[in-house]
Amino acid sequence: MTRRSNSPVAGVLGWLAALLVFFPLIWMLLASFKTEVEAVSTPPSLFFAPTLENYREVLQRADYVSFAMNSIIISFGATVLELLLAVPAAFAMAFFPTKRTRGTLLWMLSTKMLPPVGVLMPIYLIVQWTDQLDKLPSLVVLNALMNLPIAIWMLFTFFKETPKDIIEASRIDGANVRQVIFVVLLPLVMPGIASTALLSIILCWNEAFWSLNLAAHNAAPLTAFIASFSAPEGLFWAKLSAASTMAIAPILVFGWISQRQLVRGLTFGAVK
C-alpha cells in the first residue's frame, strides 16, 4: 500500500520545484504581451496593459504555418524512420545477444556525448554534396540518426523486460521471426514503443543546431523561426517571446495530452 505524505513541508517544496520549472515559461508568456520597453524595463513591470501587437507583427513578418509544417514533417518523419531502425536492432540485441552486445550499446550511447559542432563540417559537406541543403529529407535523416541511440537503449530495456517464455512458446507453435515480432512481441511492448516515439518527437521538435546550420528557408522549422527574431542591432525581447510562445505551444499541448502514455511507457515493467 502506498502512503501519501501529508507534511506541509513536502507540499511547499513541491510547489517551489514546480515554480522553478515553470517560471521561465510564465515569464516568457508575460513578456510576449508587453511592449518592447516594458519587456526590458528595470525593475520588471509586473502590472501592465496586455497587447497582442507582438503576435500580429510576428505573423506579418514570417509564415508561421510553413515553419510549423516543417517541424511536424521533420519530427514525425524522423520518429518513424528512427523506430524502423531501432525496433529490429533492439529486438536482436535483447533476444539474440552476443559477447559484443553490451560494448555496442555503450558505443552507441557514447556518440551522444560528442558535441554536434565537432562533426558539423563533414556532415555539412556530405549534405551539400548530395544536394540536400535546406531540404526536409536531410533534416529527417539527421534527426532520426541523432536520436537513434536513445531509442535503441529504451527499446532494448523494454524488450529485455518481456518474458522470454512467451517468445519461446510462440516459436514452439510455429511462428517465424516476423510473426514473433509483429504478432506477439510488439503488442506487448507497445507502451514502451509509444513512449519512445513521444520522446523522439519532443527531441526532434526542440532540435535547433542542425536546423540553423542546414536549413535557411524552405526546410526551416520553428527553431529557425525563433532565431529569425534576433537582429544585429539587438534582441527584441517582446517579439522574441511571442515567437517562442508560438513555437513551443504545439509541443506543450501535445506533451500535456500524451503525458499519461509517456509516463506509462517509461515505467513499463516496473514493480508496482
Protein backbone atom coordinates (compact mmCIF):
# COMPACT_ATOMS: atom_id res chain seq x y z
CA MET A 1 0.00 0.00 0.00
CA THR A 2 1.37 3.39 -0.98
CA ARG A 3 1.41 6.17 1.55
CA ARG A 4 0.92 9.78 0.67
CA SER A 5 2.79 12.35 2.68
CA ASN A 6 0.56 14.97 4.29
CA SER A 7 3.52 17.01 5.51
CA PRO A 8 3.13 20.73 4.69
CA VAL A 9 6.90 20.90 4.12
CA ALA A 10 6.64 18.38 1.30
CA GLY A 11 3.79 20.35 -0.24
CA VAL A 12 5.72 23.62 -0.07
CA LEU A 13 8.82 22.00 -1.58
CA GLY A 14 6.70 20.56 -4.38
CA TRP A 15 5.19 23.94 -5.21
CA LEU A 16 8.63 25.59 -5.12
CA ALA A 17 10.02 22.97 -7.50
CA ALA A 18 7.07 23.46 -9.85
CA LEU A 19 7.52 27.24 -9.73
CA LEU A 20 11.21 26.95 -10.59
CA VAL A 21 10.40 24.74 -13.57
CA PHE A 22 7.57 26.86 -14.92
CA PHE A 23 8.92 30.32 -14.05
CA PRO A 24 10.83 30.82 -17.35
CA LEU A 25 7.74 29.81 -19.34
CA ILE A 26 5.49 32.11 -17.33
CA TRP A 27 7.97 34.99 -17.68
CA MET A 28 8.22 34.42 -21.45
CA LEU A 29 4.43 34.33 -21.77
CA LEU A 30 4.07 37.59 -19.83
CA ALA A 31 6.81 39.28 -21.88
CA SER A 32 5.05 38.34 -25.11
CA PHE A 33 2.10 40.57 -24.09
CA LYS A 34 4.29 43.56 -23.20
CA THR A 35 5.71 46.34 -25.31
CA GLU A 36 9.44 46.27 -26.06
CA VAL A 37 10.06 48.99 -23.45
CA GLU A 38 8.12 47.09 -20.76
CA ALA A 39 9.84 43.80 -21.64
CA VAL A 40 13.31 45.20 -20.84
CA SER A 41 12.37 47.61 -18.07
CA THR A 42 14.30 47.52 -14.79
CA PRO A 43 12.83 46.67 -12.37
CA PRO A 44 10.46 44.41 -14.31
CA SER A 45 6.92 45.68 -14.72
CA LEU A 46 4.55 43.18 -13.15
CA PHE A 47 1.43 45.22 -13.86
CA PHE A 48 0.93 46.29 -17.48
CA ALA A 49 -1.71 46.64 -20.17
CA PRO A 50 -1.56 43.44 -22.29
CA THR A 51 -1.18 43.87 -26.05
CA LEU A 52 -1.36 41.49 -28.99
CA GLU A 53 0.83 43.72 -31.16
CA ASN A 54 3.84 41.39 -30.86
CA TYR A 55 1.86 38.43 -32.14
CA ARG A 56 0.48 40.48 -35.03
CA GLU A 57 3.97 41.61 -36.04
CA VAL A 58 5.35 38.07 -35.76
CA LEU A 59 2.62 36.69 -38.01
CA GLN A 60 3.09 39.51 -40.52
CA ARG A 61 6.86 39.12 -40.63
CA ALA A 62 7.09 35.32 -41.03
CA ASP A 63 4.97 32.47 -42.40
CA TYR A 64 4.30 30.66 -39.12
CA VAL A 65 2.26 27.88 -40.75
CA SER A 66 5.13 26.98 -43.10
CA PHE A 67 7.63 26.75 -40.23
CA ALA A 68 5.17 24.70 -38.17
CA MET A 69 4.53 22.27 -41.02
CA ASN A 70 8.28 21.76 -41.45
CA SER A 71 8.59 20.99 -37.73
CA ILE A 72 5.75 18.47 -37.95
CA ILE A 73 7.22 16.75 -41.01
CA ILE A 74 10.71 16.60 -39.51
CA SER A 75 9.59 15.42 -36.06
CA PHE A 76 7.14 12.73 -37.17
CA GLY A 77 9.18 11.66 -40.21
CA ALA A 78 12.34 11.27 -38.14
CA THR A 79 10.43 9.35 -35.47
CA VAL A 80 9.01 6.86 -37.99
CA LEU A 81 12.44 6.30 -39.57
CA GLU A 82 14.03 6.01 -36.14
CA LEU A 83 11.57 3.34 -34.99
CA LEU A 84 12.00 1.37 -38.22
CA LEU A 85 15.71 1.13 -37.42
CA ALA A 86 15.54 0.89 -33.62
CA VAL A 87 12.89 -1.83 -33.20
CA PRO A 88 14.72 -4.62 -35.10
CA ALA A 89 18.09 -3.55 -33.67
CA ALA A 90 16.81 -3.61 -30.08
CA PHE A 91 14.99 -6.89 -30.70
CA ALA A 92 18.14 -8.57 -31.99
CA MET A 93 20.27 -7.28 -29.11
CA ALA A 94 17.70 -8.25 -26.47
CA PHE A 95 16.86 -11.77 -27.66
CA PHE A 96 19.98 -12.77 -29.60
CA PRO A 97 22.81 -11.14 -27.63
CA THR A 98 26.47 -11.76 -28.37
CA LYS A 99 29.59 -11.02 -26.35
CA ARG A 100 29.83 -7.66 -28.15
CA THR A 101 26.24 -6.56 -27.49
CA ARG A 102 26.96 -4.60 -24.33
CA GLY A 103 30.00 -2.93 -25.88
CA THR A 104 27.94 -1.98 -28.92
CA LEU A 105 25.23 -0.43 -26.73
CA LEU A 106 27.80 1.58 -24.78
CA TRP A 107 29.48 2.72 -28.00
CA MET A 108 26.15 3.91 -29.44
CA LEU A 109 25.38 5.81 -26.26
CA SER A 110 28.85 7.36 -26.24
CA THR A 111 28.10 9.03 -29.59
CA LYS A 112 25.57 11.25 -27.75
CA MET A 113 28.47 12.70 -25.74
CA LEU A 114 30.07 14.13 -28.88
CA PRO A 115 29.34 17.85 -29.36
CA PRO A 116 27.42 18.29 -32.64
CA VAL A 117 29.73 21.12 -33.68
CA GLY A 118 32.56 18.56 -33.76
CA VAL A 119 31.03 16.85 -36.79
CA LEU A 120 29.41 19.90 -38.37
CA MET A 121 31.92 20.29 -41.20
CA PRO A 122 31.89 16.69 -42.54
CA ILE A 123 28.09 16.42 -42.26
CA TYR A 124 27.65 19.82 -43.93
CA LEU A 125 29.90 18.73 -46.81
CA ILE A 126 28.02 15.42 -47.19
CA VAL A 127 24.66 17.20 -47.24
CA GLN A 128 26.00 19.74 -49.73
CA TRP A 129 27.48 17.01 -51.94
CA THR A 130 24.13 15.16 -52.01
CA ASP A 131 22.32 18.42 -52.84
CA GLN A 132 20.21 18.26 -49.67
CA LEU A 133 20.94 21.67 -48.16
CA ASP A 134 17.75 23.38 -46.99
CA LYS A 135 15.70 20.28 -47.77
CA LEU A 136 13.48 18.29 -45.45
CA PRO A 137 14.88 14.76 -46.16
CA SER A 138 18.33 15.71 -44.82
CA LEU A 139 16.87 17.03 -41.55
CA VAL A 140 14.60 14.00 -41.20
CA VAL A 141 17.54 11.59 -41.59
CA LEU A 142 19.83 13.60 -39.30
CA ASN A 143 17.26 13.87 -36.53
CA ALA A 144 16.48 10.16 -36.77
CA LEU A 145 20.14 9.16 -36.59
CA MET A 146 20.86 11.65 -33.83
CA ASN A 147 18.20 10.15 -31.54
CA LEU A 148 18.68 6.54 -32.67
CA PRO A 149 20.99 5.55 -29.76
CA ILE A 150 18.44 6.72 -27.18
CA ALA A 151 15.64 4.87 -28.97
CA ILE A 152 17.63 1.63 -29.16
CA TRP A 153 18.54 1.84 -25.47
CA MET A 154 14.95 2.45 -24.42
CA LEU A 155 13.52 -0.31 -26.63
CA PHE A 156 16.30 -2.69 -25.59
CA THR A 157 15.24 -2.21 -21.97
CA PHE A 158 11.58 -2.80 -22.81
CA PHE A 159 12.38 -5.94 -24.81
CA LYS A 160 14.61 -7.30 -22.03
CA GLU A 161 11.74 -6.97 -19.55
CA THR A 162 9.45 -9.04 -21.77
CA PRO A 163 9.16 -12.65 -20.52
CA LYS A 164 11.14 -14.90 -22.86
CA ASP A 165 8.75 -17.76 -22.17
CA ILE A 166 6.17 -16.03 -24.38
CA ILE A 167 8.63 -15.82 -27.25
CA GLU A 168 9.69 -19.45 -26.82
CA ALA A 169 6.07 -20.60 -26.70
CA SER A 170 5.28 -18.77 -29.95
CA ARG A 171 8.32 -20.33 -31.64
CA ILE A 172 7.19 -23.80 -30.48
CA ASP A 173 3.77 -23.09 -32.00
CA GLY A 174 5.47 -22.50 -35.34
CA ALA A 175 5.70 -18.70 -35.50
CA ASN A 176 8.56 -17.34 -37.60
CA VAL A 177 10.69 -14.31 -36.66
CA ARG A 178 8.38 -11.84 -38.42
CA GLN A 179 5.31 -13.24 -36.65
CA VAL A 180 7.12 -13.23 -33.31
CA ILE A 181 7.96 -9.53 -33.72
CA PHE A 182 4.73 -8.17 -35.19
CA VAL A 183 2.09 -10.51 -33.74
CA VAL A 184 3.47 -11.44 -30.33
CA LEU A 185 6.14 -9.00 -29.20
CA LEU A 186 5.07 -5.58 -30.48
CA PRO A 187 1.62 -5.64 -28.82
CA LEU A 188 3.32 -6.47 -25.50
CA VAL A 189 5.83 -3.61 -25.68
CA MET A 190 3.54 -1.07 -27.35
CA PRO A 191 3.55 1.23 -24.28
CA GLY A 192 7.36 1.32 -24.46
CA ILE A 193 7.33 1.98 -28.20
CA ALA A 194 4.78 4.76 -27.71
CA SER A 195 6.87 6.44 -25.01
CA THR A 196 9.98 6.17 -27.22
CA ALA A 197 8.09 7.76 -30.11
CA LEU A 198 6.74 10.57 -27.92
CA LEU A 199 10.20 11.34 -26.55
CA SER A 200 11.64 11.31 -30.06
CA ILE A 201 9.00 13.75 -31.32
CA ILE A 202 9.77 16.14 -28.46
CA LEU A 203 13.53 15.95 -29.03
CA CYS A 204 13.18 16.49 -32.78
CA TRP A 205 10.79 19.41 -32.28
CA ASN A 206 13.25 21.17 -29.95
CA GLU A 207 16.38 20.47 -32.03
CA ALA A 208 17.98 23.71 -33.20
CA PHE A 209 21.65 23.16 -34.06
CA TRP A 210 21.23 21.26 -37.32
CA SER A 211 18.17 23.24 -38.33
CA LEU A 212 20.04 26.54 -38.09
CA ASN A 213 23.10 25.23 -39.94
CA LEU A 214 21.50 23.14 -42.69
CA ALA A 215 18.25 25.00 -43.39
CA ALA A 216 17.71 28.58 -44.48
CA HIS A 217 14.12 28.96 -45.65
CA ASN A 218 12.46 26.02 -47.42
CA ALA A 219 13.08 23.41 -44.70
CA ALA A 220 13.45 25.71 -41.70
CA PRO A 221 11.42 24.52 -38.66
CA LEU A 222 10.11 26.55 -35.74
CA THR A 223 13.52 26.67 -34.04
CA ALA A 224 14.75 28.71 -37.02
CA PHE A 225 11.53 30.74 -36.79
CA ILE A 226 12.54 31.79 -33.26
CA ALA A 227 16.12 32.59 -34.28
CA SER A 228 14.91 34.86 -37.09
CA PHE A 229 13.79 37.42 -34.50
CA SER A 230 17.33 38.15 -33.33
CA ALA A 231 18.88 41.04 -35.25
CA PRO A 232 22.40 42.58 -35.41
CA GLU A 233 21.10 45.68 -33.68
CA GLY A 234 19.91 43.64 -30.70
CA LEU A 235 17.22 41.33 -29.43
CA PHE A 236 13.60 42.38 -29.49
CA TRP A 237 12.56 40.58 -26.32
CA ALA A 238 8.81 41.07 -26.61
CA LYS A 239 8.64 39.82 -30.21
CA LEU A 240 11.13 37.04 -29.44
CA SER A 241 8.96 35.94 -26.52
CA ALA A 242 5.87 35.95 -28.74
CA ALA A 243 7.66 33.88 -31.40
CA SER A 244 8.95 31.45 -28.76
CA THR A 245 5.50 31.06 -27.24
CA MET A 246 4.02 30.26 -30.65
CA ALA A 247 6.82 27.77 -31.34
CA ILE A 248 6.57 25.79 -28.11
CA ALA A 249 2.78 25.93 -27.72
CA PRO A 250 2.04 22.95 -30.05
CA ILE A 251 4.58 20.62 -28.41
CA LEU A 252 3.47 21.69 -24.92
CA VAL A 253 -0.13 20.82 -25.76
CA PHE A 254 0.99 17.56 -27.36
CA GLY A 255 3.08 16.67 -24.32
CA TRP A 256 0.25 17.54 -21.94
CA ILE A 257 -2.22 15.34 -23.83
CA SER A 258 0.18 12.40 -24.08
CA GLN A 259 1.76 12.68 -20.62
CA ARG A 260 -0.13 9.67 -19.25
CA GLN A 261 1.04 7.46 -22.13
CA LEU A 262 4.60 8.75 -21.77
CA VAL A 263 4.75 8.01 -18.04
CA ARG A 264 3.11 4.62 -18.57
CA GLY A 265 5.70 3.71 -21.16
CA LEU A 266 8.65 4.94 -19.14
CA THR A 267 7.51 2.86 -16.14
CA PHE A 268 6.69 -0.16 -18.31
CA GLY A 269 7.71 -3.33 -16.49
CA ALA A 270 8.38 -1.58 -13.20
CA VAL A 271 7.40 -3.26 -9.95
CA LYS A 272 4.04 -1.89 -8.88
